[in-house]
Each structure stands twice: as C-alpha cells, then as structure tokens.
Amino acid sequence: MIQVVWEFIVKEATLDRFLQAYGPDGAWSRLFQEYPGFMGTTLLRDVENPRRFLTIDVWETVSHRQRMLTDAKARYSELDDALANLTESEDEIGIFETLPT
C-alpha cells in the first residue's frame, strides 16, 4: 500500500470550496474512485495554521496510481486547472509505502 501526501496553503476566501473539493467525498476522491486500487483520501488541517492542509491518497500500489494518472490524464489536468485558484501553494510531499508491522 502507498500513500501520496500533498501539502496545500489555501486562500482564506476559498476555504469552504477547498474542503468540498479535497475532502474524502470531494472531486479528487470521486475521480480516483473510478480506478482500481484507490483506497481513499484523508484530509488533515494544521492546528497552528488553519489554512495549511495535507491530503493523503491511499493506493494499493504505485502502478495502480500510475495507471490512473495515465488513463485520466485529461480529466486530472482539467480538475487541477479548475481548482488551482483555491490555493496559494500546492506541493507533493512524496509517495510513502506502508511498512508491515
């Protein structure tokens, strides 16, 4: 299992729209749900900076995510463009694998 972590600094005026689009039932999650291997999204808010968020998208494997990125390339770009005005910054922190316990 892998977890893809993104960091966002959200514009204050767009907080409500951001929460709707990036939460577990938001536009990104709905797009990802159409593809095999997607296991869900978690949205985290920084307790010290209420405009800073992390999203964690969980996939079974890197190849599942890569297949989605290839197959949904146009739709992914359209959604990214449509929501770009919600944030001041957006950074992919990385792709992390879950280690066995």
C-alpha atoms as a PDB file:
ATOM      1  CA  MET A   1       0.000   0.000   0.000  1.00  0.00           C
ATOM      2  CA  ILE A   2       1.192   3.530  -0.775  1.00  0.00           C
ATOM      3  CA  GLN A   3       0.151   6.928   0.482  1.00  0.00           C
ATOM      4  CA  VAL A   4       0.555  10.051  -1.645  1.00  0.00           C
ATOM      5  CA  VAL A   5       0.916  13.160   0.530  1.00  0.00           C
ATOM      6  CA  TRP A   6       0.250  16.703  -0.710  1.00  0.00           C
ATOM      7  CA  GLU A   7       0.536  19.996   1.183  1.00  0.00           C
ATOM      8  CA  PHE A   8      -1.706  22.971   0.414  1.00  0.00           C
ATOM      9  CA  ILE A   9      -1.857  26.546   1.645  1.00  0.00           C
ATOM     10  CA  VAL A  10      -5.433  27.588   0.994  1.00  0.00           C
ATOM     11  CA  LYS A  11      -6.654  31.103   0.280  1.00  0.00           C
ATOM     12  CA  GLU A  12      -8.818  32.243   3.176  1.00  0.00           C
ATOM     13  CA  ALA A  13     -11.701  33.205   0.886  1.00  0.00           C
ATOM     14  CA  THR A  14     -11.824  29.730  -0.660  1.00  0.00           C
ATOM     15  CA  LEU A  15     -11.654  27.509   2.431  1.00  0.00           C
ATOM     16  CA  ASP A  16     -15.186  26.119   2.056  1.00  0.00           C
ATOM     17  CA  ARG A  17     -14.691  25.256  -1.619  1.00  0.00           C
ATOM     18  CA  PHE A  18     -11.334  23.649  -0.848  1.00  0.00           C
ATOM     19  CA  LEU A  19     -12.842  21.456   1.873  1.00  0.00           C
ATOM     20  CA  GLN A  20     -15.551  20.285  -0.513  1.00  0.00           C
ATOM     21  CA  ALA A  21     -13.152  19.561  -3.384  1.00  0.00           C
ATOM     22  CA  TYR A  22     -10.310  17.917  -1.473  1.00  0.00           C
ATOM     23  CA  GLY A  23     -12.111  16.007   1.259  1.00  0.00           C
ATOM     24  CA  PRO A  24     -12.887  12.273   1.252  1.00  0.00           C
ATOM     25  CA  ASP A  25     -16.063  12.823  -0.795  1.00  0.00           C
ATOM     26  CA  GLY A  26     -14.660  15.640  -2.929  1.00  0.00           C
ATOM     27  CA  ALA A  27     -13.968  15.955  -6.632  1.00  0.00           C
ATOM     28  CA  TRP A  28     -10.498  14.408  -6.445  1.00  0.00           C
ATOM     29  CA  SER A  29     -11.662  11.403  -4.481  1.00  0.00           C
ATOM     30  CA  ARG A  30     -14.598  10.857  -6.853  1.00  0.00           C
ATOM     31  CA  LEU A  31     -12.221  10.877  -9.830  1.00  0.00           C
ATOM     32  CA  PHE A  32      -9.822   8.451  -8.148  1.00  0.00           C
ATOM     33  CA  GLN A  33     -12.668   6.109  -7.117  1.00  0.00           C
ATOM     34  CA  GLU A  34     -13.257   5.312 -10.773  1.00  0.00           C
ATOM     35  CA  TYR A  35      -9.908   3.498 -10.913  1.00  0.00           C
ATOM     36  CA  PRO A  36      -8.845   0.161  -9.447  1.00  0.00           C
ATOM     37  CA  GLY A  37      -6.559   0.284  -6.457  1.00  0.00           C
ATOM     38  CA  PHE A  38      -7.790   3.545  -4.920  1.00  0.00           C
ATOM     39  CA  MET A  39      -8.485   3.070  -1.215  1.00  0.00           C
ATOM     40  CA  GLY A  40      -9.491   6.553  -0.022  1.00  0.00           C
ATOM     41  CA  THR A  41      -8.421  10.072   0.889  1.00  0.00           C
ATOM     42  CA  THR A  42      -7.747  11.685   4.247  1.00  0.00           C
ATOM     43  CA  LEU A  43      -7.751  15.463   4.676  1.00  0.00           C
ATOM     44  CA  LEU A  44      -5.732  16.924   7.562  1.00  0.00           C
ATOM     45  CA  ARG A  45      -5.757  20.522   8.812  1.00  0.00           C
ATOM     46  CA  ASP A  46      -2.812  22.094  10.645  1.00  0.00           C
ATOM     47  CA  VAL A  47      -3.852  23.099  14.185  1.00  0.00           C
ATOM     48  CA  GLU A  48      -1.476  26.072  14.198  1.00  0.00           C
ATOM     49  CA  ASN A  49      -2.123  27.315  10.668  1.00  0.00           C
ATOM     50  CA  PRO A  50      -5.792  26.775   9.699  1.00  0.00           C
ATOM     51  CA  ARG A  51      -5.028  27.488   6.028  1.00  0.00           C
ATOM     52  CA  ARG A  52      -2.477  24.652   5.783  1.00  0.00           C
ATOM     53  CA  PHE A  53      -3.734  21.193   4.819  1.00  0.00           C
ATOM     54  CA  LEU A  54      -2.366  17.796   3.927  1.00  0.00           C
ATOM     55  CA  THR A  55      -4.144  15.258   1.770  1.00  0.00           C
ATOM     56  CA  ILE A  56      -3.243  11.593   1.896  1.00  0.00           C
ATOM     57  CA  ASP A  57      -4.442   9.498  -1.028  1.00  0.00           C
ATOM     58  CA  VAL A  58      -4.119   5.765  -0.431  1.00  0.00           C
ATOM     59  CA  TRP A  59      -3.499   3.342  -3.305  1.00  0.00           C
ATOM     60  CA  GLU A  60      -2.864  -0.384  -3.312  1.00  0.00           C
ATOM     61  CA  THR A  61       0.311   0.061  -5.383  1.00  0.00           C
ATOM     62  CA  VAL A  62       2.343   2.680  -7.243  1.00  0.00           C
ATOM     63  CA  SER A  63       1.301   1.049 -10.521  1.00  0.00           C
ATOM     64  CA  HIS A  64      -2.413   1.487  -9.683  1.00  0.00           C
ATOM     65  CA  ARG A  65      -1.853   5.212  -9.171  1.00  0.00           C
ATOM     66  CA  GLN A  66       0.297   5.466 -12.284  1.00  0.00           C
ATOM     67  CA  ARG A  67      -2.392   3.766 -14.371  1.00  0.00           C
ATOM     68  CA  MET A  68      -4.929   6.305 -13.122  1.00  0.00           C
ATOM     69  CA  LEU A  69      -2.578   9.199 -13.932  1.00  0.00           C
ATOM     70  CA  THR A  70      -2.143   7.840 -17.467  1.00  0.00           C
ATOM     71  CA  ASP A  71      -5.776   6.921 -18.122  1.00  0.00           C
ATOM     72  CA  ALA A  72      -7.262  10.052 -16.525  1.00  0.00           C
ATOM     73  CA  LYS A  73      -4.594  12.490 -17.759  1.00  0.00           C
ATOM     74  CA  ALA A  74      -7.005  14.927 -19.449  1.00  0.00           C
ATOM     75  CA  ARG A  75      -9.599  14.842 -16.649  1.00  0.00           C
ATOM     76  CA  TYR A  76      -6.877  15.160 -13.988  1.00  0.00           C
ATOM     77  CA  SER A  77      -5.465  18.258 -15.737  1.00  0.00           C
ATOM     78  CA  GLU A  78      -8.917  19.812 -16.155  1.00  0.00           C
ATOM     79  CA  LEU A  79      -9.738  19.320 -12.471  1.00  0.00           C
ATOM     80  CA  ASP A  80      -6.334  20.616 -11.397  1.00  0.00           C
ATOM     81  CA  ASP A  81      -6.812  23.737 -13.542  1.00  0.00           C
ATOM     82  CA  ALA A  82     -10.373  24.279 -12.286  1.00  0.00           C
ATOM     83  CA  LEU A  83      -9.297  24.148  -8.633  1.00  0.00           C
ATOM     84  CA  ALA A  84      -5.920  25.911  -8.891  1.00  0.00           C
ATOM     85  CA  ASN A  85      -7.375  29.245  -7.764  1.00  0.00           C
ATOM     86  CA  LEU A  86      -8.284  27.802  -4.335  1.00  0.00           C
ATOM     87  CA  THR A  87      -4.711  27.672  -3.086  1.00  0.00           C
ATOM     88  CA  GLU A  88      -1.650  29.856  -2.684  1.00  0.00           C
ATOM     89  CA  SER A  89       0.622  26.831  -2.952  1.00  0.00           C
ATOM     90  CA  GLU A  90       0.420  23.116  -3.650  1.00  0.00           C
ATOM     91  CA  ASP A  91       3.308  20.700  -3.178  1.00  0.00           C
ATOM     92  CA  GLU A  92       3.545  16.950  -3.488  1.00  0.00           C
ATOM     93  CA  ILE A  93       5.429  15.933  -0.345  1.00  0.00           C
ATOM     94  CA  GLY A  94       6.010  12.420  -1.591  1.00  0.00           C
ATOM     95  CA  ILE A  95       4.844   8.862  -2.049  1.00  0.00           C
ATOM     96  CA  PHE A  96       5.226   6.705   1.035  1.00  0.00           C
ATOM     97  CA  GLU A  97       4.800   2.978   1.376  1.00  0.00           C
ATOM     98  CA  THR A  98       3.140   1.399   4.360  1.00  0.00           C
ATOM     99  CA  LEU A  99       5.539  -0.927   6.122  1.00  0.00           C
ATOM    100  CA  PRO A 100       4.408  -4.193   7.690  1.00  0.00           C
ATOM    101  CA  THR A 101       4.028  -4.171  11.448  1.00  0.00           C
END
